[in-house]
């Protein structure tokens, strides 16, 4: 999600919320969300996948 379009902003916010909730501290993941996004860590990719899964239909998600 490195090159974002305006309609990706809600997906990024959702992924960040999921990431911060599931991985609340350095015990769970060694880097904060922005760094994980830059490095495309497995933790980041899992958060994005979860955000896409729960994305509302009107935002273009395939359920």
PDB file of N, CA and C in Angstrom:
ATOM      1  N   UNK A   1       0.826  -1.189   0.000  1.00  0.00           N
ATOM      2  CA  UNK A   1       0.000   0.000   0.000  1.00  0.00           C
ATOM      3  C   UNK A   1       0.870   1.254   0.000  1.00  0.00           C
ATOM      4  N   UNK A   2       2.066   1.186  -0.504  1.00  0.00           N
ATOM      5  CA  UNK A   2       2.990   2.295  -0.415  1.00  0.00           C
ATOM      6  C   UNK A   2       2.564   3.509  -1.232  1.00  0.00           C
ATOM      7  N   UNK A   3       2.049   3.322  -2.440  1.00  0.00           N
ATOM      8  CA  UNK A   3       1.544   4.444  -3.231  1.00  0.00           C
ATOM      9  C   UNK A   3       0.029   4.465  -3.094  1.00  0.00           C
ATOM     10  N   UNK A   4      -0.453   5.375  -2.252  1.00  0.00           N
ATOM     11  CA  UNK A   4      -1.868   5.383  -1.932  1.00  0.00           C
ATOM     12  C   UNK A   4      -2.665   6.296  -2.837  1.00  0.00           C
ATOM     13  N   UNK A   5      -3.862   5.866  -3.136  1.00  0.00           N
ATOM     14  CA  UNK A   5      -4.840   6.716  -3.778  1.00  0.00           C
ATOM     15  C   UNK A   5      -5.812   7.144  -2.688  1.00  0.00           C
ATOM     16  N   UNK A   6      -6.611   8.190  -2.926  1.00  0.00           N
ATOM     17  CA  UNK A   6      -7.518   8.665  -1.878  1.00  0.00           C
ATOM     18  C   UNK A   6      -8.444   7.580  -1.320  1.00  0.00           C
ATOM     19  N   UNK A   7      -8.883   6.642  -2.155  1.00  0.00           N
ATOM     20  CA  UNK A   7      -9.799   5.624  -1.654  1.00  0.00           C
ATOM     21  C   UNK A   7      -9.076   4.555  -0.832  1.00  0.00           C
ATOM     22  N   UNK A   8      -7.745   4.572  -0.764  1.00  0.00           N
ATOM     23  CA  UNK A   8      -7.012   3.628   0.068  1.00  0.00           C
ATOM     24  C   UNK A   8      -6.815   4.141   1.489  1.00  0.00           C
ATOM     25  N   UNK A   9      -7.077   5.404   1.738  1.00  0.00           N
ATOM     26  CA  UNK A   9      -6.900   5.963   3.073  1.00  0.00           C
ATOM     27  C   UNK A   9      -7.746   5.232   4.114  1.00  0.00           C
ATOM     28  N   UNK A  10      -9.021   4.936   3.846  1.00  0.00           N
ATOM     29  CA  UNK A  10      -9.796   4.176   4.843  1.00  0.00           C
ATOM     30  C   UNK A  10      -9.220   2.781   5.096  1.00  0.00           C
ATOM     31  N   UNK A  11      -8.716   2.143   4.060  1.00  0.00           N
ATOM     32  CA  UNK A  11      -8.113   0.818   4.220  1.00  0.00           C
ATOM     33  C   UNK A  11      -6.857   0.913   5.084  1.00  0.00           C
ATOM     34  N   UNK A  12      -6.047   1.929   4.866  1.00  0.00           N
ATOM     35  CA  UNK A  12      -4.830   2.105   5.669  1.00  0.00           C
ATOM     36  C   UNK A  12      -5.178   2.372   7.124  1.00  0.00           C
ATOM     37  N   UNK A  13      -6.178   3.218   7.360  1.00  0.00           N
ATOM     38  CA  UNK A  13      -6.596   3.496   8.741  1.00  0.00           C
ATOM     39  C   UNK A  13      -7.093   2.230   9.426  1.00  0.00           C
ATOM     40  N   UNK A  14      -7.867   1.431   8.701  1.00  0.00           N
ATOM     41  CA  UNK A  14      -8.364   0.178   9.264  1.00  0.00           C
ATOM     42  C   UNK A  14      -7.209  -0.781   9.552  1.00  0.00           C
ATOM     43  N   UNK A  15      -6.260  -0.876   8.624  1.00  0.00           N
ATOM     44  CA  UNK A  15      -5.107  -1.754   8.826  1.00  0.00           C
ATOM     45  C   UNK A  15      -4.285  -1.303  10.027  1.00  0.00           C
ATOM     46  N   UNK A  16      -4.115   0.005  10.187  1.00  0.00           N
ATOM     47  CA  UNK A  16      -3.364   0.528  11.335  1.00  0.00           C
ATOM     48  C   UNK A  16      -4.092   0.215  12.635  1.00  0.00           C
ATOM     49  N   UNK A  17      -5.400   0.387  12.653  1.00  0.00           N
ATOM     50  CA  UNK A  17      -6.170   0.082  13.865  1.00  0.00           C
ATOM     51  C   UNK A  17      -6.054  -1.398  14.227  1.00  0.00           C
ATOM     52  N   UNK A  18      -6.139  -2.250  13.235  1.00  0.00           N
ATOM     53  CA  UNK A  18      -5.999  -3.693  13.470  1.00  0.00           C
ATOM     54  C   UNK A  18      -4.586  -4.002  13.955  1.00  0.00           C
ATOM     55  N   UNK A  19      -3.587  -3.468  13.279  1.00  0.00           N
ATOM     56  CA  UNK A  19      -2.183  -3.702  13.641  1.00  0.00           C
ATOM     57  C   UNK A  19      -1.929  -3.287  15.089  1.00  0.00           C
ATOM     58  N   UNK A  20      -2.369  -2.072  15.446  1.00  0.00           N
ATOM     59  CA  UNK A  20      -2.122  -1.556  16.791  1.00  0.00           C
ATOM     60  C   UNK A  20      -2.880  -2.340  17.861  1.00  0.00           C
ATOM     61  N   UNK A  21      -4.007  -2.927  17.493  1.00  0.00           N
ATOM     62  CA  UNK A  21      -4.781  -3.712  18.449  1.00  0.00           C
ATOM     63  C   UNK A  21      -4.206  -5.115  18.619  1.00  0.00           C
ATOM     64  N   UNK A  22      -3.872  -5.746  17.513  1.00  0.00           N
ATOM     65  CA  UNK A  22      -3.386  -7.124  17.556  1.00  0.00           C
ATOM     66  C   UNK A  22      -1.932  -7.188  18.030  1.00  0.00           C
ATOM     67  N   UNK A  23      -1.149  -6.196  17.664  1.00  0.00           N
ATOM     68  CA  UNK A  23       0.265  -6.158  18.037  1.00  0.00           C
ATOM     69  C   UNK A  23       0.525  -4.924  18.908  1.00  0.00           C
ATOM     70  N   UNK A  24       0.078  -4.946  20.175  1.00  0.00           N
ATOM     71  CA  UNK A  24       0.086  -3.729  20.996  1.00  0.00           C
ATOM     72  C   UNK A  24       1.450  -3.278  21.516  1.00  0.00           C
ATOM     73  N   UNK A  25       2.460  -4.125  21.419  1.00  0.00           N
ATOM     74  CA  UNK A  25       3.745  -3.724  21.994  1.00  0.00           C
ATOM     75  C   UNK A  25       4.898  -4.406  21.263  1.00  0.00           C
ATOM     76  N   UNK A  26       6.109  -4.047  21.672  1.00  0.00           N
ATOM     77  CA  UNK A  26       7.304  -4.626  21.068  1.00  0.00           C
ATOM     78  C   UNK A  26       7.410  -6.122  21.338  1.00  0.00           C
ATOM     79  N   UNK A  27       6.657  -6.625  22.298  1.00  0.00           N
ATOM     80  CA  UNK A  27       6.654  -8.066  22.552  1.00  0.00           C
ATOM     81  C   UNK A  27       6.037  -8.820  21.375  1.00  0.00           C
ATOM     82  N   UNK A  28       5.108  -8.163  20.677  1.00  0.00           N
ATOM     83  CA  UNK A  28       4.389  -8.809  19.583  1.00  0.00           C
ATOM     84  C   UNK A  28       5.035  -8.560  18.236  1.00  0.00           C
ATOM     85  N   UNK A  29       5.524  -7.360  18.026  1.00  0.00           N
ATOM     86  CA  UNK A  29       6.191  -7.000  16.772  1.00  0.00           C
ATOM     87  C   UNK A  29       7.275  -5.966  17.088  1.00  0.00           C
ATOM     88  N   UNK A  30       8.412  -6.051  16.448  1.00  0.00           N
ATOM     89  CA  UNK A  30       9.530  -5.173  16.809  1.00  0.00           C
ATOM     90  C   UNK A  30       9.452  -3.747  16.266  1.00  0.00           C
ATOM     91  N   UNK A  31       8.498  -3.460  15.375  1.00  0.00           N
ATOM     92  CA  UNK A  31       8.452  -2.126  14.767  1.00  0.00           C
ATOM     93  C   UNK A  31       7.040  -1.561  14.801  1.00  0.00           C
ATOM     94  N   UNK A  32       6.911  -0.230  14.861  1.00  0.00           N
ATOM     95  CA  UNK A  32       5.594   0.391  14.793  1.00  0.00           C
ATOM     96  C   UNK A  32       4.993   0.265  13.383  1.00  0.00           C
ATOM     97  N   UNK A  33       3.724   0.604  13.259  1.00  0.00           N
ATOM     98  CA  UNK A  33       2.988   0.415  12.007  1.00  0.00           C
ATOM     99  C   UNK A  33       3.669   1.055  10.804  1.00  0.00           C
ATOM    100  N   UNK A  34       4.081   2.309  10.918  1.00  0.00           N
ATOM    101  CA  UNK A  34       4.672   3.002   9.765  1.00  0.00           C
ATOM    102  C   UNK A  34       5.919   2.285   9.250  1.00  0.00           C
ATOM    103  N   UNK A  35       6.730   1.802  10.164  1.00  0.00           N
ATOM    104  CA  UNK A  35       7.935   1.067   9.767  1.00  0.00           C
ATOM    105  C   UNK A  35       7.564  -0.293   9.175  1.00  0.00           C
ATOM    106  N   UNK A  36       6.588  -0.949   9.781  1.00  0.00           N
ATOM    107  CA  UNK A  36       6.133  -2.242   9.251  1.00  0.00           C
ATOM    108  C   UNK A  36       5.562  -2.074   7.849  1.00  0.00           C
ATOM    109  N   UNK A  37       4.866  -0.968   7.616  1.00  0.00           N
ATOM    110  CA  UNK A  37       4.319  -0.681   6.290  1.00  0.00           C
ATOM    111  C   UNK A  37       5.448  -0.500   5.279  1.00  0.00           C
ATOM    112  N   UNK A  38       6.444   0.259   5.669  1.00  0.00           N
ATOM    113  CA  UNK A  38       7.584   0.505   4.776  1.00  0.00           C
ATOM    114  C   UNK A  38       8.309  -0.796   4.441  1.00  0.00           C
ATOM    115  N   UNK A  39       8.472  -1.653   5.440  1.00  0.00           N
ATOM    116  CA  UNK A  39       9.182  -2.914   5.248  1.00  0.00           C
ATOM    117  C   UNK A  39       8.284  -4.041   4.733  1.00  0.00           C
ATOM    118  N   UNK A  40       6.973  -3.794   4.733  1.00  0.00           N
ATOM    119  CA  UNK A  40       5.975  -4.792   4.335  1.00  0.00           C
ATOM    120  C   UNK A  40       6.163  -6.101   5.100  1.00  0.00           C
ATOM    121  N   UNK A  41       6.212  -5.972   6.429  1.00  0.00           N
ATOM    122  CA  UNK A  41       6.396  -7.141   7.282  1.00  0.00           C
ATOM    123  C   UNK A  41       5.173  -8.051   7.229  1.00  0.00           C
ATOM    124  N   UNK A  42       5.342  -9.265   7.708  1.00  0.00           N
ATOM    125  CA  UNK A  42       4.220 -10.215   7.743  1.00  0.00           C
ATOM    126  C   UNK A  42       3.119  -9.678   8.653  1.00  0.00           C
ATOM    127  N   UNK A  43       3.490  -8.989   9.724  1.00  0.00           N
ATOM    128  CA  UNK A  43       2.500  -8.409  10.623  1.00  0.00           C
ATOM    129  C   UNK A  43       1.657  -7.360   9.880  1.00  0.00           C
ATOM    130  N   UNK A  44       2.324  -6.527   9.109  1.00  0.00           N
ATOM    131  CA  UNK A  44       1.643  -5.505   8.306  1.00  0.00           C
ATOM    132  C   UNK A  44       0.730  -6.155   7.265  1.00  0.00           C
ATOM    133  N   UNK A  45       1.251  -7.137   6.547  1.00  0.00           N
ATOM    134  CA  UNK A  45       0.447  -7.799   5.510  1.00  0.00           C
ATOM    135  C   UNK A  45      -0.781  -8.477   6.107  1.00  0.00           C
ATOM    136  N   UNK A  46      -0.637  -9.058   7.295  1.00  0.00           N
ATOM    137  CA  UNK A  46      -1.794  -9.674   7.959  1.00  0.00           C
ATOM    138  C   UNK A  46      -2.831  -8.621   8.335  1.00  0.00           C
ATOM    139  N   UNK A  47      -2.398  -7.474   8.816  1.00  0.00           N
ATOM    140  CA  UNK A  47      -3.330  -6.403   9.180  1.00  0.00           C
ATOM    141  C   UNK A  47      -4.068  -5.879   7.945  1.00  0.00           C
ATOM    142  N   UNK A  48      -3.364  -5.725   6.838  1.00  0.00           N
ATOM    143  CA  UNK A  48      -3.993  -5.269   5.597  1.00  0.00           C
ATOM    144  C   UNK A  48      -4.995  -6.308   5.099  1.00  0.00           C
ATOM    145  N   UNK A  49      -4.631  -7.571   5.166  1.00  0.00           N
ATOM    146  CA  UNK A  49      -5.545  -8.631   4.735  1.00  0.00           C
ATOM    147  C   UNK A  49      -6.810  -8.627   5.576  1.00  0.00           C
ATOM    148  N   UNK A  50      -6.661  -8.443   6.872  1.00  0.00           N
ATOM    149  CA  UNK A  50      -7.833  -8.381   7.754  1.00  0.00           C
ATOM    150  C   UNK A  50      -8.682  -7.155   7.437  1.00  0.00           C
ATOM    151  N   UNK A  51      -8.042  -6.026   7.203  1.00  0.00           N
ATOM    152  CA  UNK A  51      -8.778  -4.804   6.873  1.00  0.00           C
ATOM    153  C   UNK A  51      -9.537  -4.969   5.557  1.00  0.00           C
ATOM    154  N   UNK A  52      -8.928  -5.610   4.589  1.00  0.00           N
ATOM    155  CA  UNK A  52      -9.610  -5.847   3.307  1.00  0.00           C
ATOM    156  C   UNK A  52     -10.799  -6.772   3.488  1.00  0.00           C
ATOM    157  N   UNK A  53     -10.648  -7.764   4.328  1.00  0.00           N
ATOM    158  CA  UNK A  53     -11.728  -8.721   4.564  1.00  0.00           C
ATOM    159  C   UNK A  53     -12.958  -8.033   5.151  1.00  0.00           C
ATOM    160  N   UNK A  54     -12.732  -7.075   6.036  1.00  0.00           N
ATOM    161  CA  UNK A  54     -13.842  -6.401   6.708  1.00  0.00           C
ATOM    162  C   UNK A  54     -14.239  -5.082   6.066  1.00  0.00           C
ATOM    163  N   UNK A  55     -13.660  -4.763   4.920  1.00  0.00           N
ATOM    164  CA  UNK A  55     -13.981  -3.530   4.211  1.00  0.00           C
ATOM    165  C   UNK A  55     -15.441  -3.595   3.746  1.00  0.00           C
ATOM    166  N   UNK A  56     -16.228  -2.558   4.002  1.00  0.00           N
ATOM    167  CA  UNK A  56     -17.638  -2.571   3.567  1.00  0.00           C
ATOM    168  C   UNK A  56     -17.780  -2.727   2.045  1.00  0.00           C
ATOM    169  N   UNK A  57     -18.845  -3.334   1.642  1.00  0.00           N
ATOM    170  CA  UNK A  57     -19.117  -3.588   0.218  1.00  0.00           C
ATOM    171  C   UNK A  57     -19.128  -2.284  -0.571  1.00  0.00           C
ATOM    172  N   UNK A  58     -19.678  -1.218  -0.020  1.00  0.00           N
ATOM    173  CA  UNK A  58     -19.754   0.033  -0.764  1.00  0.00           C
ATOM    174  C   UNK A  58     -18.371   0.637  -1.008  1.00  0.00           C
ATOM    175  N   UNK A  59     -17.346   0.155  -0.321  1.00  0.00           N
ATOM    176  CA  UNK A  59     -15.984   0.629  -0.571  1.00  0.00           C
ATOM    177  C   UNK A  59     -15.254  -0.268  -1.548  1.00  0.00           C
ATOM    178  N   UNK A  60     -15.951  -1.236  -2.128  1.00  0.00           N
ATOM    179  CA  UNK A  60     -15.353  -2.045  -3.175  1.00  0.00           C
ATOM    180  C   UNK A  60     -14.839  -3.391  -2.755  1.00  0.00           C
ATOM    181  N   UNK A  61     -15.133  -3.832  -1.558  1.00  0.00           N
ATOM    182  CA  UNK A  61     -14.639  -5.128  -1.113  1.00  0.00           C
ATOM    183  C   UNK A  61     -15.427  -6.250  -1.786  1.00  0.00           C
ATOM    184  N   UNK A  62     -14.754  -7.339  -2.026  1.00  0.00           N
ATOM    185  CA  UNK A  62     -15.406  -8.515  -2.557  1.00  0.00           C
ATOM    186  C   UNK A  62     -15.654  -9.467  -1.395  1.00  0.00           C
ATOM    187  N   UNK A  63     -16.887  -9.630  -1.045  1.00  0.00           N
ATOM    188  CA  UNK A  63     -17.199 -10.511   0.096  1.00  0.00           C
ATOM    189  C   UNK A  63     -17.622 -11.870  -0.370  1.00  0.00           C
TER     190      UNK A  63
END
